[in-house]
Amino acid sequence: MSPVRRKVACLFPAFAMRYKDFSRRSGFPPDAGNCQAEPDLPGYQEEVAGFLAQASAAVEIDASKFERPGESVLGNGLQDDLQEQYACYVDSCAVGSLLKKRKIACDYVAGYSMGLFAALYHSAAVSFEDGLRLIHTASTFAHEALDDGQYGMGVVVGLTADQLGGLIAEHCREVEVADVCGPHVVIASGRRSDLQTLLEVSAAEGCLHARLLPVCIPFHSSLLRGVEGRMRGFLRQMQIRPPACGVVSCVDQKVLSTEEAVREEAATNVWHPIRWFQTMNRLLELGVDVFVECGLSDRLCNLARNLPGHCQIYHPRKFDRLFAAVT
């Protein structure tokens, strides 16, 4: 009897998600007892270089920002945002490309927030260059949609979405639940001052952890609803193909399989609330039992550990185990 092939989902992180111990460098710093540096992920550095060359031909890349995302801050808020997102996109596409070269079949993809565009590229729904253009356009429209107020996003760990919703209704109605990442992990968006109030009352309520995220745009909130119409106009000019694998929507958890469905997701993704935990459970319903995070992050791997049942979860630092298990 031939072995049953595992169903694989590739997960693409958002630009603010980072993993401090994984980088593009060719090896780890050797310790006192080991003079040989071991590579983070064989072939990754070369893969990143190739994608970076393609990206540089399509958009302006800030080399210092690309090498140290999250560590340096540019004077212009939009440019800072764009450069962070370009770096995340290039990293994610490079990891996805390595998986394809190792013949890891991908049944489904899901992109967290703006990770959608790397997921669409991996599924062959858009070209690499068009994915960059979508990131540039969505980010630009988001910045232009806001007044001079200070905005952001925050995460609360240890309270349910219902509990956080009650605190929002009582203390800061200008804040909205942007995502439910897990049973007790909730993301909120809104004005920074109101978010700070929410984090304080959440801490008083007994949450385990509450902090602002390194984001200056209130993604997945009605503050950006006006972006949708402009995105629809931009998307009409873009070539989009039916995905080669299933793209699971973070908005409504439907499997996107047509050009029209992809356009709808790309148009609404910036402002519409997402539900990542529901998305992951939808992947389980579809039979997925192998989850692979594509990018310099371990956040999606960590969130996947909240899922019921038994599934295998792989960060790029553990791809040697993935290749042994799946191929």
C-alpha atoms as a PDB file:
ATOM      1  CA  MET A   1       0.000   0.000   0.000  1.00  0.00           C
ATOM      2  CA  SER A   2       1.436   3.382  -0.995  1.00  0.00           C
ATOM      3  CA  PRO A   3       1.825   5.955   1.813  1.00  0.00           C
ATOM      4  CA  VAL A   4      -0.822   8.655   2.141  1.00  0.00           C
ATOM      5  CA  ARG A   5       0.535  12.034   1.042  1.00  0.00           C
ATOM      6  CA  ARG A   6       0.387  14.704   3.700  1.00  0.00           C
ATOM      7  CA  LYS A   7      -1.617  17.856   2.912  1.00  0.00           C
ATOM      8  CA  VAL A   8       0.560  20.949   3.230  1.00  0.00           C
ATOM      9  CA  ALA A   9      -0.415  24.583   3.891  1.00  0.00           C
ATOM     10  CA  CYS A  10       2.131  27.366   3.424  1.00  0.00           C
ATOM     11  CA  LEU A  11       1.582  30.311   5.776  1.00  0.00           C
ATOM     12  CA  PHE A  12       2.903  33.778   4.947  1.00  0.00           C
ATOM     13  CA  PRO A  13       3.532  36.211   7.837  1.00  0.00           C
ATOM     14  CA  ALA A  14       2.918  39.955   8.016  1.00  0.00           C
ATOM     15  CA  PHE A  15       5.760  42.464   7.964  1.00  0.00           C
ATOM     16  CA  ALA A  16       5.718  43.188  11.722  1.00  0.00           C
ATOM     17  CA  MET A  17       6.255  39.506  12.570  1.00  0.00           C
ATOM     18  CA  ARG A  18       9.938  38.680  13.127  1.00  0.00           C
ATOM     19  CA  TYR A  19      12.070  35.894  14.512  1.00  0.00           C
ATOM     20  CA  LYS A  20      15.197  37.250  16.160  1.00  0.00           C
ATOM     21  CA  ASP A  21      17.355  34.133  15.706  1.00  0.00           C
ATOM     22  CA  PHE A  22      16.843  33.605  11.971  1.00  0.00           C
ATOM     23  CA  SER A  23      18.387  35.858   9.336  1.00  0.00           C
ATOM     24  CA  ARG A  24      19.572  36.040   5.751  1.00  0.00           C
ATOM     25  CA  ARG A  25      23.199  35.598   6.749  1.00  0.00           C
ATOM     26  CA  SER A  26      24.987  32.453   5.598  1.00  0.00           C
ATOM     27  CA  GLY A  27      25.677  31.084   9.064  1.00  0.00           C
ATOM     28  CA  PHE A  28      25.283  31.453  12.808  1.00  0.00           C
ATOM     29  CA  PRO A  29      28.054  33.149  14.791  1.00  0.00           C
ATOM     30  CA  PRO A  30      30.291  30.241  15.891  1.00  0.00           C
ATOM     31  CA  ASP A  31      30.558  29.653  19.603  1.00  0.00           C
ATOM     32  CA  ALA A  32      33.809  29.020  21.488  1.00  0.00           C
ATOM     33  CA  GLY A  33      33.717  25.315  20.789  1.00  0.00           C
ATOM     34  CA  ASN A  34      32.660  25.499  17.170  1.00  0.00           C
ATOM     35  CA  CYS A  35      34.696  27.387  14.595  1.00  0.00           C
ATOM     36  CA  GLN A  36      32.471  26.330  11.735  1.00  0.00           C
ATOM     37  CA  ALA A  37      29.365  28.428  11.141  1.00  0.00           C
ATOM     38  CA  GLU A  38      26.323  26.377  10.269  1.00  0.00           C
ATOM     39  CA  PRO A  39      23.952  27.788   7.619  1.00  0.00           C
ATOM     40  CA  ASP A  40      20.499  28.954   8.713  1.00  0.00           C
ATOM     41  CA  LEU A  41      18.877  27.401   5.662  1.00  0.00           C
ATOM     42  CA  PRO A  42      20.986  26.070   2.790  1.00  0.00           C
ATOM     43  CA  GLY A  43      20.422  28.056  -0.401  1.00  0.00           C
ATOM     44  CA  TYR A  44      18.423  30.774   1.306  1.00  0.00           C
ATOM     45  CA  GLN A  45      20.985  33.543   0.983  1.00  0.00           C
ATOM     46  CA  GLU A  46      21.310  32.959  -2.756  1.00  0.00           C
ATOM     47  CA  GLU A  47      17.543  32.763  -3.175  1.00  0.00           C
ATOM     48  CA  VAL A  48      17.040  36.069  -1.350  1.00  0.00           C
ATOM     49  CA  ALA A  49      19.676  37.727  -3.528  1.00  0.00           C
ATOM     50  CA  GLY A  50      17.846  36.690  -6.673  1.00  0.00           C
ATOM     51  CA  PHE A  51      14.490  37.966  -5.482  1.00  0.00           C
ATOM     52  CA  LEU A  52      16.051  41.161  -4.187  1.00  0.00           C
ATOM     53  CA  ALA A  53      17.494  41.856  -7.639  1.00  0.00           C
ATOM     54  CA  GLN A  54      14.022  41.421  -9.150  1.00  0.00           C
ATOM     55  CA  ALA A  55      12.480  43.657  -6.511  1.00  0.00           C
ATOM     56  CA  SER A  56      15.078  46.388  -7.041  1.00  0.00           C
ATOM     57  CA  ALA A  57      14.135  46.525 -10.716  1.00  0.00           C
ATOM     58  CA  ALA A  58      10.470  47.112  -9.842  1.00  0.00           C
ATOM     59  CA  VAL A  59      10.547  49.326  -6.729  1.00  0.00           C
ATOM     60  CA  GLU A  60      13.084  51.378  -4.805  1.00  0.00           C
ATOM     61  CA  ILE A  61      14.733  49.274  -2.103  1.00  0.00           C
ATOM     62  CA  ASP A  62      16.501  50.848   0.872  1.00  0.00           C
ATOM     63  CA  ALA A  63      19.466  48.508   1.405  1.00  0.00           C
ATOM     64  CA  SER A  64      20.017  49.414   5.067  1.00  0.00           C
ATOM     65  CA  LYS A  65      16.351  48.904   5.873  1.00  0.00           C
ATOM     66  CA  PHE A  66      16.304  45.599   4.013  1.00  0.00           C
ATOM     67  CA  GLU A  67      19.288  44.264   5.935  1.00  0.00           C
ATOM     68  CA  ARG A  68      17.915  45.339   9.337  1.00  0.00           C
ATOM     69  CA  PRO A  69      14.111  45.403   9.206  1.00  0.00           C
ATOM     70  CA  GLY A  70      12.648  46.746  12.421  1.00  0.00           C
ATOM     71  CA  GLU A  71      15.993  48.038  13.682  1.00  0.00           C
ATOM     72  CA  SER A  72      16.222  51.319  11.741  1.00  0.00           C
ATOM     73  CA  VAL A  73      13.456  53.875  11.278  1.00  0.00           C
ATOM     74  CA  LEU A  74      13.177  56.055   8.195  1.00  0.00           C
ATOM     75  CA  GLY A  75      12.046  59.661   8.532  1.00  0.00           C
ATOM     76  CA  ASN A  76       9.069  59.155   6.225  1.00  0.00           C
ATOM     77  CA  GLY A  77       6.279  57.006   7.661  1.00  0.00           C
ATOM     78  CA  LEU A  78       5.073  55.675   4.319  1.00  0.00           C
ATOM     79  CA  GLN A  79       8.588  54.806   3.158  1.00  0.00           C
ATOM     80  CA  ASP A  80       9.356  53.107   6.455  1.00  0.00           C
ATOM     81  CA  ASP A  81       6.206  51.023   6.090  1.00  0.00           C
ATOM     82  CA  LEU A  82       6.921  50.169   2.449  1.00  0.00           C
ATOM     83  CA  GLN A  83      10.506  49.091   3.073  1.00  0.00           C
ATOM     84  CA  GLU A  84       9.437  46.831   5.942  1.00  0.00           C
ATOM     85  CA  GLN A  85       6.815  45.248   3.722  1.00  0.00           C
ATOM     86  CA  TYR A  86       9.151  44.818   0.755  1.00  0.00           C
ATOM     87  CA  ALA A  87      11.654  43.005   2.979  1.00  0.00           C
ATOM     88  CA  CYS A  88       8.974  40.684   4.358  1.00  0.00           C
ATOM     89  CA  TYR A  89       7.641  39.961   0.862  1.00  0.00           C
ATOM     90  CA  VAL A  90      11.090  39.158  -0.555  1.00  0.00           C
ATOM     91  CA  ASP A  91      11.902  36.881   2.387  1.00  0.00           C
ATOM     92  CA  SER A  92       8.595  35.041   2.089  1.00  0.00           C
ATOM     93  CA  CYS A  93       8.886  34.566  -1.668  1.00  0.00           C
ATOM     94  CA  ALA A  94      12.434  33.249  -1.232  1.00  0.00           C
ATOM     95  CA  VAL A  95      11.350  30.646   1.330  1.00  0.00           C
ATOM     96  CA  GLY A  96       8.441  29.609  -0.872  1.00  0.00           C
ATOM     97  CA  SER A  97      10.763  29.249  -3.849  1.00  0.00           C
ATOM     98  CA  LEU A  98      13.102  26.969  -1.887  1.00  0.00           C
ATOM     99  CA  LEU A  99      10.151  24.765  -0.983  1.00  0.00           C
ATOM    100  CA  LYS A 100       9.179  24.459  -4.631  1.00  0.00           C
ATOM    101  CA  LYS A 101      12.749  23.572  -5.589  1.00  0.00           C
ATOM    102  CA  ARG A 102      12.679  20.799  -2.978  1.00  0.00           C
ATOM    103  CA  LYS A 103       9.419  19.522  -4.516  1.00  0.00           C
ATOM    104  CA  ILE A 104       7.301  20.278  -1.453  1.00  0.00           C
ATOM    105  CA  ALA A 105       3.784  20.187  -2.863  1.00  0.00           C
ATOM    106  CA  CYS A 106       1.571  22.946  -1.467  1.00  0.00           C
ATOM    107  CA  ASP A 107      -2.154  22.237  -1.295  1.00  0.00           C
ATOM    108  CA  TYR A 108      -3.232  25.526   0.305  1.00  0.00           C
ATOM    109  CA  VAL A 109      -1.795  28.921   1.141  1.00  0.00           C
ATOM    110  CA  ALA A 110      -2.905  31.569   3.615  1.00  0.00           C
ATOM    111  CA  GLY A 111      -1.365  34.989   4.132  1.00  0.00           C
ATOM    112  CA  TYR A 112      -1.664  36.818   7.427  1.00  0.00           C
ATOM    113  CA  SER A 113      -2.748  40.421   6.731  1.00  0.00           C
ATOM    114  CA  MET A 114      -0.421  41.849   4.050  1.00  0.00           C
ATOM    115  CA  GLY A 115       1.197  38.424   3.818  1.00  0.00           C
ATOM    116  CA  LEU A 116      -1.690  37.798   1.419  1.00  0.00           C
ATOM    117  CA  PHE A 117       0.361  39.128  -1.472  1.00  0.00           C
ATOM    118  CA  ALA A 118       3.227  36.670  -0.956  1.00  0.00           C
ATOM    119  CA  ALA A 119       0.600  33.908  -0.716  1.00  0.00           C
ATOM    120  CA  LEU A 120      -0.905  35.039  -4.024  1.00  0.00           C
ATOM    121  CA  TYR A 121       2.523  34.972  -5.647  1.00  0.00           C
ATOM    122  CA  HIS A 122       3.251  31.486  -4.285  1.00  0.00           C
ATOM    123  CA  SER A 123      -0.072  30.285  -5.696  1.00  0.00           C
ATOM    124  CA  ALA A 124       0.831  31.816  -9.107  1.00  0.00           C
ATOM    125  CA  ALA A 125      -2.220  34.104  -9.001  1.00  0.00           C
ATOM    126  CA  VAL A 126       0.012  37.172  -9.459  1.00  0.00           C
ATOM    127  CA  SER A 127       3.545  37.739 -10.703  1.00  0.00           C
ATOM    128  CA  PHE A 128       6.338  38.619  -8.292  1.00  0.00           C
ATOM    129  CA  GLU A 129       6.441  42.187  -9.591  1.00  0.00           C
ATOM    130  CA  ASP A 130       2.673  42.604  -9.380  1.00  0.00           C
ATOM    131  CA  GLY A 131       2.758  41.409  -5.776  1.00  0.00           C
ATOM    132  CA  LEU A 132       5.200  44.236  -5.033  1.00  0.00           C
ATOM    133  CA  ARG A 133       2.942  46.715  -6.810  1.00  0.00           C
ATOM    134  CA  LEU A 134      -0.038  45.543  -4.759  1.00  0.00           C
ATOM    135  CA  ILE A 135       1.938  46.079  -1.549  1.00  0.00           C
ATOM    136  CA  HIS A 136       3.028  49.538  -2.685  1.00  0.00           C
ATOM    137  CA  THR A 137      -0.477  50.557  -3.718  1.00  0.00           C
ATOM    138  CA  ALA A 138      -2.307  49.167  -0.678  1.00  0.00           C
ATOM    139  CA  SER A 139       0.169  50.774   1.733  1.00  0.00           C
ATOM    140  CA  THR A 140       0.082  54.119  -0.079  1.00  0.00           C
ATOM    141  CA  PHE A 141      -3.706  54.195  -0.125  1.00  0.00           C
ATOM    142  CA  ALA A 142      -3.814  53.272   3.578  1.00  0.00           C
ATOM    143  CA  HIS A 143      -1.515  56.143   4.537  1.00  0.00           C
ATOM    144  CA  GLU A 144      -3.479  58.584   2.375  1.00  0.00           C
ATOM    145  CA  ALA A 145      -6.780  57.523   3.971  1.00  0.00           C
ATOM    146  CA  LEU A 146      -5.816  58.783   7.432  1.00  0.00           C
ATOM    147  CA  ASP A 147      -5.817  62.253   8.932  1.00  0.00           C
ATOM    148  CA  ASP A 148      -2.964  63.545  11.079  1.00  0.00           C
ATOM    149  CA  GLY A 149      -3.915  61.393  14.047  1.00  0.00           C
ATOM    150  CA  GLN A 150      -1.613  58.818  15.585  1.00  0.00           C
ATOM    151  CA  TYR A 151      -2.817  55.296  14.836  1.00  0.00           C
ATOM    152  CA  GLY A 152      -1.636  51.783  15.434  1.00  0.00           C
ATOM    153  CA  MET A 153      -2.404  48.238  16.500  1.00  0.00           C
ATOM    154  CA  GLY A 154      -2.058  46.355  19.744  1.00  0.00           C
ATOM    155  CA  VAL A 155      -2.131  42.756  20.937  1.00  0.00           C
ATOM    156  CA  VAL A 156      -3.767  41.422  24.082  1.00  0.00           C
ATOM    157  CA  VAL A 157      -2.921  37.912  25.285  1.00  0.00           C
ATOM    158  CA  GLY A 158      -4.977  36.205  27.954  1.00  0.00           C
ATOM    159  CA  LEU A 159      -8.462  37.556  27.222  1.00  0.00           C
ATOM    160  CA  THR A 160     -11.077  36.286  24.781  1.00  0.00           C
ATOM    161  CA  ALA A 161     -12.434  38.352  21.896  1.00  0.00           C
ATOM    162  CA  ASP A 162     -15.715  38.748  23.791  1.00  0.00           C
ATOM    163  CA  GLN A 163     -13.930  39.995  26.893  1.00  0.00           C
ATOM    164  CA  LEU A 164     -11.888  42.469  24.881  1.00  0.00           C
ATOM    165  CA  GLY A 165     -14.981  43.585  22.992  1.00  0.00           C
ATOM    166  CA  GLY A 166     -16.642  44.398  26.302  1.00  0.00           C
ATOM    167  CA  LEU A 167     -13.671  46.507  27.386  1.00  0.00           C
ATOM    168  CA  ILE A 168     -13.691  48.331  24.048  1.00  0.00           C
ATOM    169  CA  ALA A 169     -17.400  49.119  24.350  1.00  0.00           C
ATOM    170  CA  GLU A 170     -16.921  50.447  27.884  1.00  0.00           C
ATOM    171  CA  HIS A 171     -13.656  52.365  27.621  1.00  0.00           C
ATOM    172  CA  CYS A 172     -12.599  53.132  24.024  1.00  0.00           C
ATOM    173  CA  ARG A 173     -15.229  52.812  21.336  1.00  0.00           C
ATOM    174  CA  GLU A 174     -12.923  54.130  18.617  1.00  0.00           C
ATOM    175  CA  VAL A 175     -10.917  50.888  18.806  1.00  0.00           C
ATOM    176  CA  GLU A 176     -11.928  47.788  16.834  1.00  0.00           C
ATOM    177  CA  VAL A 177     -11.039  44.105  17.005  1.00  0.00           C
ATOM    178  CA  ALA A 178      -8.884  43.557  13.926  1.00  0.00           C
ATOM    179  CA  ASP A 179      -8.125  39.857  14.340  1.00  0.00           C
ATOM    180  CA  VAL A 180      -8.663  36.904  16.636  1.00  0.00           C
ATOM    181  CA  CYS A 181      -5.381  34.972  16.364  1.00  0.00           C
ATOM    182  CA  GLY A 182      -6.230  32.368  18.968  1.00  0.00           C
ATOM    183  CA  PRO A 183      -8.704  31.612  21.748  1.00  0.00           C
ATOM    184  CA  HIS A 184      -6.932  34.150  23.978  1.00  0.00           C
ATOM    185  CA  VAL A 185      -4.917  36.217  21.494  1.00  0.00           C
ATOM    186  CA  VAL A 186      -6.648  39.289  20.051  1.00  0.00           C
ATOM    187  CA  ILE A 187      -5.387  42.143  17.868  1.00  0.00           C
ATOM    188  CA  ALA A 188      -7.021  45.590  18.029  1.00  0.00           C
ATOM    189  CA  SER A 189      -6.717  48.641  15.740  1.00  0.00           C
ATOM    190  CA  GLY A 190      -7.461  52.322  16.245  1.00  0.00           C
ATOM    191  CA  ARG A 191      -6.061  55.600  17.506  1.00  0.00           C
ATOM    192  CA  ARG A 192      -2.898  55.087  19.483  1.00  0.00           C
ATOM    193  CA  SER A 193      -4.178  56.964  22.545  1.00  0.00           C
ATOM    194  CA  ASP A 194      -7.313  54.802  22.641  1.00  0.00           C
ATOM    195  CA  LEU A 195      -5.253  51.656  22.134  1.00  0.00           C
ATOM    196  CA  GLN A 196      -3.086  52.625  25.077  1.00  0.00           C
ATOM    197  CA  THR A 197      -6.221  52.940  27.203  1.00  0.00           C
ATOM    198  CA  LEU A 198      -7.362  49.502  26.051  1.00  0.00           C
ATOM    199  CA  LEU A 199      -4.021  47.947  26.919  1.00  0.00           C
ATOM    200  CA  GLU A 200      -4.124  49.500  30.388  1.00  0.00           C
ATOM    201  CA  VAL A 201      -7.640  48.312  31.188  1.00  0.00           C
ATOM    202  CA  SER A 202      -6.804  44.873  29.766  1.00  0.00           C
ATOM    203  CA  ALA A 203      -3.858  44.639  32.122  1.00  0.00           C
ATOM    204  CA  ALA A 204      -6.115  45.660  35.009  1.00  0.00           C
ATOM    205  CA  GLU A 205      -8.562  42.972  33.900  1.00  0.00           C
ATOM    206  CA  GLY A 206      -5.852  40.355  34.332  1.00  0.00           C
ATOM    207  CA  CYS A 207      -4.564  39.700  30.831  1.00  0.00           C
ATOM    208  CA  LEU A 208      -1.188  37.981  30.537  1.00  0.00           C
ATOM    209  CA  HIS A 209       0.342  40.438  28.128  1.00  0.00           C
ATOM    210  CA  ALA A 210      -0.677  43.643  26.329  1.00  0.00           C
ATOM    211  CA  ARG A 211       1.474  45.827  24.100  1.00  0.00           C
ATOM    212  CA  LEU A 212       1.467  48.052  21.063  1.00  0.00           C
ATOM    213  CA  LEU A 213       2.664  46.520  17.800  1.00  0.00           C
ATOM    214  CA  PRO A 214       5.329  48.217  15.640  1.00  0.00           C
ATOM    215  CA  VAL A 215       2.676  49.404  13.173  1.00  0.00           C
ATOM    216  CA  CYS A 216       1.511  52.968  12.527  1.00  0.00           C
ATOM    217  CA  ILE A 217      -1.528  52.059  10.392  1.00  0.00           C
ATOM    218  CA  PRO A 218      -4.806  50.671  11.840  1.00  0.00           C
ATOM    219  CA  PHE A 219      -5.035  47.728   9.466  1.00  0.00           C
ATOM    220  CA  HIS A 220      -8.233  45.679   9.385  1.00  0.00           C
ATOM    221  CA  SER A 221     -10.415  48.438  10.767  1.00  0.00           C
ATOM    222  CA  SER A 222     -13.185  50.593   9.305  1.00  0.00           C
ATOM    223  CA  LEU A 223     -10.811  53.575   9.412  1.00  0.00           C
ATOM    224  CA  LEU A 224      -9.431  52.205   6.128  1.00  0.00           C
ATOM    225  CA  ARG A 225     -12.759  51.293   4.515  1.00  0.00           C
ATOM    226  CA  GLY A 226     -12.241  53.959   1.836  1.00  0.00           C
ATOM    227  CA  VAL A 227      -9.195  52.080   0.532  1.00  0.00           C
ATOM    228  CA  GLU A 228     -11.382  49.323  -0.914  1.00  0.00           C
ATOM    229  CA  GLY A 229     -12.810  51.361  -3.799  1.00  0.00           C
ATOM    230  CA  ARG A 230      -9.378  52.628  -4.833  1.00  0.00           C
ATOM    231  CA  MET A 231      -7.952  49.105  -4.686  1.00  0.00           C
ATOM    232  CA  ARG A 232     -10.733  47.820  -6.915  1.00  0.00           C
ATOM    233  CA  GLY A 233      -9.817  50.424  -9.511  1.00  0.00           C
ATOM    234  CA  PHE A 234      -6.146  49.458  -9.348  1.00  0.00           C
ATOM    235  CA  LEU A 235      -6.909  45.739  -9.534  1.00  0.00           C
ATOM    236  CA  ARG A 236      -8.913  46.197 -12.737  1.00  0.00           C
ATOM    237  CA  GLN A 237      -5.652  47.108 -14.452  1.00  0.00           C
ATOM    238  CA  MET A 238      -3.756  44.059 -13.189  1.00  0.00           C
ATOM    239  CA  GLN A 239      -3.463  40.590 -14.667  1.00  0.00           C
ATOM    240  CA  ILE A 240      -4.627  37.986 -12.173  1.00  0.00           C
ATOM    241  CA  ARG A 241      -4.774  34.249 -12.814  1.00  0.00           C
ATOM    242  CA  PRO A 242      -6.745  31.502 -11.049  1.00  0.00           C
ATOM    243  CA  PRO A 243      -4.562  30.192  -8.205  1.00  0.00           C
ATOM    244  CA  ALA A 244      -2.654  26.963  -8.803  1.00  0.00           C
ATOM    245  CA  CYS A 245      -3.514  25.872  -5.243  1.00  0.00           C
ATOM    246  CA  GLY A 246      -6.263  26.826  -2.827  1.00  0.00           C
ATOM    247  CA  VAL A 247      -5.961  30.287  -1.254  1.00  0.00           C
ATOM    248  CA  VAL A 248      -7.864  30.370   2.037  1.00  0.00           C
ATOM    249  CA  SER A 249      -9.340  33.787   2.804  1.00  0.00           C
ATOM    250  CA  CYS A 250      -8.550  35.323   6.185  1.00  0.00           C
ATOM    251  CA  VAL A 251     -11.679  37.440   5.817  1.00  0.00           C
ATOM    252  CA  ASP A 252     -14.380  34.795   5.378  1.00  0.00           C
ATOM    253  CA  GLN A 253     -12.350  31.540   5.267  1.00  0.00           C
ATOM    254  CA  LYS A 254     -13.562  30.645   1.762  1.00  0.00           C
ATOM    255  CA  VAL A 255     -11.196  28.852  -0.608  1.00  0.00           C
ATOM    256  CA  LEU A 256     -10.346  31.250  -3.413  1.00  0.00           C
ATOM    257  CA  SER A 257     -10.046  29.441  -6.722  1.00  0.00           C
ATOM    258  CA  THR A 258     -10.985  32.033  -9.344  1.00  0.00           C
ATOM    259  CA  GLU A 259      -9.583  35.301 -10.624  1.00  0.00           C
ATOM    260  CA  GLU A 260     -12.683  37.129  -9.377  1.00  0.00           C
ATOM    261  CA  ALA A 261     -12.349  35.729  -5.861  1.00  0.00           C
ATOM    262  CA  VAL A 262      -8.687  36.771  -5.700  1.00  0.00           C
ATOM    263  CA  ARG A 263      -9.561  40.320  -6.787  1.00  0.00           C
ATOM    264  CA  GLU A 264     -12.225  40.545  -4.084  1.00  0.00           C
ATOM    265  CA  GLU A 265      -9.813  39.392  -1.376  1.00  0.00           C
ATOM    266  CA  ALA A 266      -7.092  41.794  -2.486  1.00  0.00           C
ATOM    267  CA  ALA A 267      -9.561  44.693  -2.541  1.00  0.00           C
ATOM    268  CA  THR A 268     -10.957  44.137   0.961  1.00  0.00           C
ATOM    269  CA  ASN A 269      -7.924  42.759   2.811  1.00  0.00           C
ATOM    270  CA  VAL A 270      -6.525  46.102   4.026  1.00  0.00           C
ATOM    271  CA  TRP A 271      -9.570  47.225   6.004  1.00  0.00           C
ATOM    272  CA  HIS A 272     -11.737  44.179   6.634  1.00  0.00           C
ATOM    273  CA  PRO A 273     -11.342  42.418  10.019  1.00  0.00           C
ATOM    274  CA  ILE A 274      -9.605  39.066   9.674  1.00  0.00           C
ATOM    275  CA  ARG A 275      -9.921  35.898  11.726  1.00  0.00           C
ATOM    276  CA  TRP A 276      -6.676  33.938  11.640  1.00  0.00           C
ATOM    277  CA  PHE A 277      -7.712  31.272  14.153  1.00  0.00           C
ATOM    278  CA  GLN A 278     -10.813  30.506  12.081  1.00  0.00           C
ATOM    279  CA  THR A 279      -8.637  30.398   8.977  1.00  0.00           C
ATOM    280  CA  MET A 280      -6.326  27.836  10.562  1.00  0.00           C
ATOM    281  CA  ASN A 281      -9.267  25.716  11.663  1.00  0.00           C
ATOM    282  CA  ARG A 282     -10.633  25.909   8.124  1.00  0.00           C
ATOM    283  CA  LEU A 283      -7.336  24.493   6.871  1.00  0.00           C
ATOM    284  CA  LEU A 284      -7.713  21.624   9.340  1.00  0.00           C
ATOM    285  CA  GLU A 285     -11.207  20.976   7.971  1.00  0.00           C
ATOM    286  CA  LEU A 286      -9.687  20.799   4.497  1.00  0.00           C
ATOM    287  CA  GLY A 287      -7.417  17.995   5.669  1.00  0.00           C
ATOM    288  CA  VAL A 288      -4.187  19.928   6.178  1.00  0.00           C
ATOM    289  CA  ASP A 289      -1.863  18.287   8.672  1.00  0.00           C
ATOM    290  CA  VAL A 290       1.433  20.021   7.795  1.00  0.00           C
ATOM    291  CA  PHE A 291       1.853  23.770   8.347  1.00  0.00           C
ATOM    292  CA  VAL A 292       4.909  25.582   7.017  1.00  0.00           C
ATOM    293  CA  GLU A 293       5.771  29.191   7.853  1.00  0.00           C
ATOM    294  CA  CYS A 294       7.352  30.985   4.894  1.00  0.00           C
ATOM    295  CA  GLY A 295       9.426  33.946   6.065  1.00  0.00           C
ATOM    296  CA  LEU A 296      11.580  35.372   8.852  1.00  0.00           C
ATOM    297  CA  SER A 297       9.009  34.738  11.550  1.00  0.00           C
ATOM    298  CA  ASP A 298       7.924  32.097  14.011  1.00  0.00           C
ATOM    299  CA  ARG A 299       4.668  33.807  15.030  1.00  0.00           C
ATOM    300  CA  LEU A 300       2.426  31.746  12.767  1.00  0.00           C
ATOM    301  CA  CYS A 301       4.108  28.543  13.932  1.00  0.00           C
ATOM    302  CA  ASN A 302       3.459  29.555  17.536  1.00  0.00           C
ATOM    303  CA  LEU A 303      -0.188  30.355  16.821  1.00  0.00           C
ATOM    304  CA  ALA A 304      -0.633  27.025  15.030  1.00  0.00           C
ATOM    305  CA  ARG A 305       0.260  25.263  18.274  1.00  0.00           C
ATOM    306  CA  ASN A 306      -3.135  26.399  19.622  1.00  0.00           C
ATOM    307  CA  LEU A 307      -4.877  24.172  17.080  1.00  0.00           C
ATOM    308  CA  PRO A 308      -6.727  21.056  18.226  1.00  0.00           C
ATOM    309  CA  GLY A 309      -5.546  17.607  17.218  1.00  0.00           C
ATOM    310  CA  HIS A 310      -2.159  16.545  15.904  1.00  0.00           C
ATOM    311  CA  CYS A 311      -0.454  18.410  13.089  1.00  0.00           C
ATOM    312  CA  GLN A 312       3.133  19.045  12.104  1.00  0.00           C
ATOM    313  CA  ILE A 313       4.428  22.637  12.181  1.00  0.00           C
ATOM    314  CA  TYR A 314       7.667  23.766  10.559  1.00  0.00           C
ATOM    315  CA  HIS A 315       9.646  26.991  10.797  1.00  0.00           C
ATOM    316  CA  PRO A 316      12.442  27.486   8.185  1.00  0.00           C
ATOM    317  CA  ARG A 317      15.017  26.590  10.847  1.00  0.00           C
ATOM    318  CA  LYS A 318      13.414  23.120  10.945  1.00  0.00           C
ATOM    319  CA  PHE A 319      13.114  22.558   7.197  1.00  0.00           C
ATOM    320  CA  ASP A 320      15.554  19.660   7.346  1.00  0.00           C
ATOM    321  CA  ARG A 321      12.875  17.795   9.307  1.00  0.00           C
ATOM    322  CA  LEU A 322      10.182  18.953   6.851  1.00  0.00           C
ATOM    323  CA  PHE A 323      12.138  17.635   3.870  1.00  0.00           C
ATOM    324  CA  ALA A 324      12.652  14.291   5.606  1.00  0.00           C
ATOM    325  CA  ALA A 325       8.976  13.987   6.612  1.00  0.00           C
ATOM    326  CA  VAL A 326       7.246  15.113   3.419  1.00  0.00           C
ATOM    327  CA  THR A 327       9.578  14.144   0.560  1.00  0.00           C
END
